[in-house]
Each structure stands twice: as structure tokens, then as C-alpha cells.
Amino acid sequence: MKRWFAMLAALLMLVPAAAQAQLATVEVKFVGTITGSAADTLMINGQKWTGPLPDFPYKAGDQITVSMNVRPSSEYLDPNYPSKPVDGIYRFSVIGASQLQNFPSATAIAPITAMDVSGPISAAGGLQTSQGLVMTYNSNSGTWGMEMPTGSYSLFQFDGPGYLYDPASDSLSLTSTTRDPVYGCTDQGSGCFGLSGSMTDSAIRRAPVYGTDGSTRGFFSMLFSGDWFVNGIKQGGGSTEVPEPGQLGMMALALLPLLARQRGRLARA
């Protein structure tokens, strides 16, 4: 009998305390494969580019990961909060650093605390914005999830490798940045393009191509398909899901009647 209760105790230890679940930073990650590279989508002066291209760091078939940490507002999850949802599912709008100043005391928000893209793409730390991503916390099961109420999302600002067009020779060279070489895309000269997509597909859209004279001469996009994960649990796509600690705890509780019946049979034997 002690063995049964030891197993039950081990399962229950995997169940996080409510306070821990509420205050924890939530990791959000998109893991995908590039299906449309810059070479496939490059437009210069309104025309598809058919000339020679220098090697670009990302090609079709390459893996790409976009990750961020979000910090849901803890006061919204307080048991005494007057607007506790009837179904027990809390929702938090994900916002970037530049949007936080517009919500100094708001609840039901989840500011981005870190953003990273695998490879030479980088996120502008203080200029991040986010639209369409909503984090959920199911207080019934203790699990985090994600929704896209409009069916799509967008994240800005990003900077990364690109092309520089020379109108005199009608040729392209590779550059380490897509920032405007003259003025910068913002006052701080941060990135020029954004990520957008849905639960199964994403894209770097319209990364600018500047001319050697400083004018915008074209753009390119990179498309990639894959899966979204929240705290390692798949939210959209084809990967295998694994039980979260909250689900394991419910399974353990479901075993209690079985353990009681087993103990009764042992006592009568």
C-alpha cells in the first residue's frame, strides 16, 4: 500500500502551486522551416529579380526559431480580482516594450520581456510591438495556452541581413542589415521589417532593399511553416503533445477512488 501512495505523492509533486503558475514567465516559441527564401520573393524596382544573387544566410529548408518570454500581469490572476472569468480562463494581450508605456497600470496584458530569432536576425529591444497574440491561463487545469482571436499576429521591429542595390551597375550585394543606410528606419536606426502569420505559418514580410543612393529600391519576404509552443507544449502544428504538470495532477486525483478500493480489498484479504 505504501508503494501506491508513494506513486501518488510523486505525481502530485509535479503539480505546480497556483501562485507559481500565475507568476511564472511564459515562454512562447515558433519553430519552423523556411519554405520561401529571399531569392524566391525578391522584387527590385517593382520587378522580380532574375539576376545573380550573393549567398543569403537563410535558404529554403533551413530551420528558424522565433522565441519570446512574456510576463502576464499578476494582479489579474488574484483570486479577489472582481472580473474573474466564469469559465476560469484568463486572457492576456501580448504587447511589446514600446506599447507598455500606453498601459502603465493595465491588467490582462502580458508584456514581452525577451525576443530572439535564430540566426543573424535581431529584435529591437525597446521598440517591440505585438498584435494578435493572446496568452491564456486555464485556472481549472493550471495550464498556459495561446490564442489568435483575429486568426493572425504581427511582431515588430526586426533587423537582419539584406541586399543593397546599385542602380549604376544594376547589381546586388549582400549587406549585414536591412536598416536604411542613410536615415534609419526609426529615430534610433532600429530594424525595418516585421514577422506576421497564423498558428501554422509565418513570414518575414517586405524586408526593404535600399539603393546605394539611400532610396528604397525593393523588398523581399521569407515564408516559413511550423508550430507554436507555449512552455514547451504545442499550440498549433503537427508535433506530439505531452501532458503538462496540471494534467498529471488531475490524473493522480482520478486514481484516488481506485486506490481506496484497492486498500479495501487488501484489508479484507
Protein backbone atom coordinates (compact mmCIF):
# COMPACT_ATOMS: atom_id res chain seq x y z
CA MET A 1 0.00 0.00 0.00
CA LYS A 2 2.88 2.36 0.78
CA ARG A 3 4.06 1.88 -2.78
CA TRP A 4 0.72 3.15 -4.15
CA PHE A 5 0.82 6.27 -2.02
CA ALA A 6 4.45 6.91 -2.93
CA MET A 7 3.45 6.87 -6.60
CA LEU A 8 0.56 9.25 -5.90
CA ALA A 9 2.82 11.62 -3.96
CA ALA A 10 5.32 11.66 -6.84
CA LEU A 11 2.58 12.63 -9.28
CA LEU A 12 1.22 15.36 -7.03
CA MET A 13 4.69 16.87 -6.62
CA LEU A 14 4.62 17.62 -10.36
CA VAL A 15 1.57 19.86 -9.90
CA PRO A 16 2.73 23.48 -9.55
CA ALA A 17 1.25 25.66 -6.87
CA ALA A 18 -1.30 28.15 -8.17
CA ALA A 19 0.87 31.10 -7.18
CA GLN A 20 3.83 29.67 -9.08
CA ALA A 21 1.77 29.15 -12.22
CA GLN A 22 0.34 32.66 -12.01
CA LEU A 23 3.62 34.49 -11.56
CA ALA A 24 5.83 32.42 -13.84
CA THR A 25 7.28 33.86 -17.03
CA VAL A 26 5.70 32.15 -20.03
CA GLU A 27 7.93 31.04 -22.89
CA VAL A 28 6.43 31.39 -26.36
CA LYS A 29 8.24 29.87 -29.33
CA PHE A 30 7.65 29.37 -33.05
CA VAL A 31 9.73 26.62 -34.65
CA GLY A 32 9.53 26.43 -38.43
CA THR A 33 11.16 25.60 -41.73
CA ILE A 34 11.74 28.22 -44.41
CA THR A 35 9.64 27.43 -47.48
CA GLY A 36 10.12 30.63 -49.46
CA SER A 37 13.53 32.29 -49.36
CA ALA A 38 14.61 35.81 -50.22
CA ALA A 39 15.69 34.60 -53.66
CA ASP A 40 12.12 33.42 -54.33
CA THR A 41 10.45 36.69 -53.37
CA LEU A 42 12.95 39.44 -54.19
CA MET A 43 11.48 42.42 -56.06
CA ILE A 44 13.59 45.34 -57.34
CA ASN A 45 12.00 48.44 -58.82
CA GLY A 46 8.67 46.63 -58.97
CA GLN A 47 10.02 43.64 -60.93
CA LYS A 48 11.00 40.11 -59.91
CA TRP A 49 14.78 39.97 -59.69
CA THR A 50 16.28 37.43 -62.10
CA GLY A 51 19.92 38.45 -61.93
CA PRO A 52 22.72 36.87 -59.90
CA LEU A 53 22.47 36.87 -56.10
CA PRO A 54 25.15 36.65 -53.44
CA ASP A 55 24.64 33.89 -50.85
CA PHE A 56 21.98 34.76 -48.27
CA PRO A 57 22.17 33.38 -44.70
CA TYR A 58 18.68 31.86 -44.90
CA LYS A 59 17.61 29.43 -47.62
CA ALA A 60 14.55 27.27 -48.25
CA GLY A 61 14.72 24.22 -46.00
CA ASP A 62 16.60 25.99 -43.20
CA GLN A 63 15.18 25.89 -39.67
CA ILE A 64 14.21 29.10 -37.92
CA THR A 65 13.10 29.73 -34.34
CA VAL A 66 11.35 32.82 -33.02
CA SER A 67 11.13 32.89 -29.23
CA MET A 68 9.99 35.36 -26.59
CA ASN A 69 9.22 35.48 -22.89
CA VAL A 70 6.04 37.18 -21.72
CA ARG A 71 5.10 38.22 -18.20
CA PRO A 72 1.32 38.12 -17.59
CA SER A 73 0.06 40.79 -15.20
CA SER A 74 -0.19 39.04 -11.83
CA GLU A 75 -2.91 41.24 -10.33
CA TYR A 76 -5.38 39.98 -12.93
CA LEU A 77 -4.94 36.45 -11.58
CA ASP A 78 -5.52 37.46 -7.97
CA PRO A 79 -8.42 35.36 -6.55
CA ASN A 80 -10.03 38.60 -5.33
CA TYR A 81 -9.91 40.28 -8.74
CA PRO A 82 -13.53 41.38 -9.40
CA SER A 83 -13.63 40.25 -13.03
CA LYS A 84 -12.70 36.59 -12.65
CA PRO A 85 -14.00 34.83 -15.79
CA VAL A 86 -16.90 32.43 -15.32
CA ASP A 87 -15.13 29.70 -17.27
CA GLY A 88 -11.89 30.18 -15.30
CA ILE A 89 -9.85 31.04 -18.41
CA TYR A 90 -7.88 34.28 -18.16
CA ARG A 91 -6.68 36.05 -21.30
CA PHE A 92 -3.73 38.42 -21.64
CA SER A 93 -2.99 40.58 -24.68
CA VAL A 94 0.71 40.27 -25.56
CA ILE A 95 2.32 43.68 -26.03
CA GLY A 96 5.81 44.91 -26.83
CA ALA A 97 8.09 47.24 -24.91
CA SER A 98 7.06 50.32 -26.88
CA GLN A 99 3.36 49.61 -26.18
CA LEU A 100 3.82 49.19 -22.44
CA GLN A 101 4.02 52.93 -21.88
CA ASN A 102 0.40 53.18 -23.05
CA PHE A 103 -0.73 50.64 -20.41
CA PRO A 104 1.11 51.72 -17.23
CA SER A 105 -1.46 50.24 -14.83
CA ALA A 106 -3.49 47.95 -17.07
CA THR A 107 -4.42 44.39 -16.21
CA ALA A 108 -4.91 41.49 -18.61
CA ILE A 109 -1.70 42.26 -20.50
CA ALA A 110 1.49 40.24 -20.99
CA PRO A 111 4.49 42.41 -21.93
CA ILE A 112 7.31 40.79 -23.90
CA THR A 113 10.42 40.54 -21.74
CA ALA A 114 12.76 38.95 -24.29
CA MET A 115 12.72 38.32 -28.03
CA ASP A 116 15.13 36.26 -30.07
CA VAL A 117 15.35 34.87 -33.61
CA SER A 118 17.80 32.14 -34.55
CA GLY A 119 20.45 33.28 -36.98
CA PRO A 120 21.55 36.82 -37.80
CA ILE A 121 18.08 38.38 -37.38
CA SER A 122 17.77 40.53 -34.26
CA ALA A 123 14.92 42.27 -32.47
CA ALA A 124 14.96 45.91 -31.48
CA GLY A 125 14.86 45.79 -27.68
CA GLY A 126 12.91 48.94 -26.84
CA LEU A 127 10.81 49.16 -29.98
CA GLN A 128 8.99 45.84 -29.98
CA THR A 129 5.29 45.82 -30.78
CA SER A 130 2.87 42.93 -30.90
CA GLN A 131 -0.63 42.48 -32.28
CA GLY A 132 -2.93 39.46 -32.30
CA LEU A 133 -1.22 37.20 -29.74
CA VAL A 134 -3.24 36.39 -26.61
CA MET A 135 -1.90 34.25 -23.76
CA THR A 136 -4.42 32.18 -21.81
CA TYR A 137 -4.28 30.75 -18.31
CA ASN A 138 -6.78 28.00 -17.52
CA SER A 139 -7.24 28.13 -13.76
CA ASN A 140 -9.21 24.87 -13.89
CA SER A 141 -6.27 22.84 -15.18
CA GLY A 142 -3.36 25.16 -14.32
CA THR A 143 -2.18 25.28 -17.95
CA TRP A 144 -1.00 28.10 -20.20
CA GLY A 145 -2.03 28.38 -23.83
CA MET A 146 -2.25 30.81 -26.73
CA GLU A 147 -4.98 32.23 -28.93
CA MET A 148 -5.07 34.43 -32.03
CA PRO A 149 -8.56 36.00 -31.91
CA THR A 150 -8.23 37.54 -35.37
CA GLY A 151 -6.54 34.44 -36.81
CA SER A 152 -3.23 36.20 -37.32
CA TYR A 153 -0.45 38.01 -35.49
CA SER A 154 2.34 40.50 -36.16
CA LEU A 155 5.58 41.36 -34.36
CA PHE A 156 7.83 44.38 -34.98
CA GLN A 157 10.67 45.60 -35.15
CA PHE A 158 13.39 43.37 -36.54
CA ASP A 159 16.66 43.93 -38.31
CA GLY A 160 18.76 41.45 -40.25
CA PRO A 161 20.74 40.69 -43.39
CA GLY A 162 19.57 42.03 -46.71
CA TYR A 163 20.59 43.29 -50.11
CA LEU A 164 21.96 46.60 -51.34
CA TYR A 165 21.10 47.59 -54.91
CA ASP A 166 23.49 49.56 -57.13
CA PRO A 167 21.47 51.26 -59.88
CA ALA A 168 24.62 52.24 -61.81
CA SER A 169 25.62 48.61 -62.42
CA ASP A 170 22.15 47.08 -61.91
CA SER A 171 23.62 44.65 -59.37
CA LEU A 172 23.06 43.47 -55.82
CA SER A 173 25.45 43.00 -52.93
CA LEU A 174 24.83 41.42 -49.55
CA THR A 175 24.59 43.68 -46.52
CA SER A 176 24.54 42.75 -42.83
CA THR A 177 21.50 44.90 -42.13
CA THR A 178 18.19 45.93 -43.65
CA ARG A 179 18.34 49.32 -41.95
CA ASP A 180 18.20 52.37 -44.13
CA PRO A 181 21.89 53.24 -44.70
CA VAL A 182 21.08 56.97 -44.61
CA TYR A 183 18.31 57.74 -42.13
CA GLY A 184 17.50 54.56 -40.20
CA CYS A 185 14.00 53.07 -40.01
CA THR A 186 13.34 54.82 -36.69
CA ASP A 187 14.98 57.62 -34.80
CA GLN A 188 17.24 55.01 -33.19
CA GLY A 189 18.01 53.34 -36.51
CA SER A 190 16.42 50.05 -35.48
CA GLY A 191 15.06 47.24 -37.63
CA CYS A 192 12.87 47.71 -40.64
CA PHE A 193 10.73 44.61 -41.01
CA GLY A 194 8.21 42.54 -39.08
CA LEU A 195 7.09 38.96 -38.58
CA SER A 196 3.49 38.00 -39.21
CA GLY A 197 1.37 34.93 -39.80
CA SER A 198 -1.02 32.47 -38.17
CA MET A 199 -0.94 29.37 -35.97
CA THR A 200 0.70 27.31 -38.71
CA ASP A 201 2.54 29.77 -40.97
CA SER A 202 4.74 32.80 -40.51
CA ALA A 203 6.73 35.18 -42.66
CA ILE A 204 9.29 37.94 -42.61
CA ARG A 205 7.41 40.34 -44.84
CA ARG A 206 8.72 43.09 -47.07
CA ALA A 207 12.21 43.45 -45.72
CA PRO A 208 13.44 46.56 -47.58
CA VAL A 209 16.21 46.65 -50.17
CA TYR A 210 17.95 50.02 -50.34
CA GLY A 211 19.86 51.54 -53.20
CA THR A 212 23.39 52.78 -52.82
CA ASP A 213 21.86 56.26 -53.10
CA GLY A 214 19.79 55.64 -49.94
CA SER A 215 16.43 55.24 -51.68
CA THR A 216 14.21 52.20 -51.20
CA ARG A 217 14.58 50.10 -54.34
CA GLY A 218 12.77 46.88 -53.47
CA PHE A 219 11.85 44.29 -50.88
CA PHE A 220 11.85 40.58 -50.17
CA SER A 221 9.97 38.18 -47.88
CA MET A 222 10.75 34.83 -46.29
CA LEU A 223 7.98 32.34 -45.66
CA PHE A 224 8.15 29.52 -43.12
CA SER A 225 5.73 26.95 -41.74
CA GLY A 226 5.87 25.25 -38.38
CA ASP A 227 4.48 25.02 -34.86
CA TRP A 228 3.82 27.37 -31.96
CA PHE A 229 4.74 26.22 -28.45
CA VAL A 230 3.88 27.65 -25.03
CA ASN A 231 6.13 26.45 -22.20
CA GLY A 232 7.14 23.59 -24.47
CA ILE A 233 3.55 22.46 -25.18
CA LYS A 234 2.45 22.53 -28.80
CA GLN A 235 -0.32 25.03 -29.63
CA GLY A 236 -0.57 24.59 -33.40
CA GLY A 237 1.01 22.22 -35.90
CA GLY A 238 1.90 18.55 -36.00
CA SER A 239 4.24 17.84 -33.09
CA THR A 240 3.38 15.35 -30.36
CA GLU A 241 1.90 16.89 -27.23
CA VAL A 242 2.96 15.78 -23.75
CA PRO A 243 0.92 16.14 -20.53
CA GLU A 244 1.56 19.27 -18.51
CA PRO A 245 2.03 19.01 -14.72
CA GLY A 246 -1.52 20.24 -14.21
CA GLN A 247 -2.86 17.41 -16.35
CA LEU A 248 -0.73 14.88 -14.46
CA GLY A 249 -2.15 16.14 -11.20
CA MET A 250 -5.70 15.62 -12.41
CA MET A 251 -4.74 12.11 -13.47
CA ALA A 252 -3.36 11.46 -10.00
CA LEU A 253 -6.56 12.70 -8.36
CA ALA A 254 -8.56 10.43 -10.63
CA LEU A 255 -6.61 7.47 -9.21
CA LEU A 256 -7.77 8.15 -5.63
CA PRO A 257 -11.02 6.08 -5.84
CA LEU A 258 -9.05 3.21 -7.35
CA LEU A 259 -6.51 3.36 -4.53
CA ALA A 260 -9.26 3.40 -1.93
CA ARG A 261 -10.91 0.32 -3.43
CA GLN A 262 -7.52 -1.43 -3.58
CA ARG A 263 -6.90 -0.66 0.08
CA GLY A 264 -10.33 -2.04 0.99
CA ARG A 265 -9.64 -5.30 -0.81
CA LEU A 266 -6.28 -5.64 0.94
CA ALA A 267 -7.91 -5.05 4.33
CA ARG A 268 -10.50 -7.78 3.72
CA ALA A 269 -7.92 -10.29 2.44
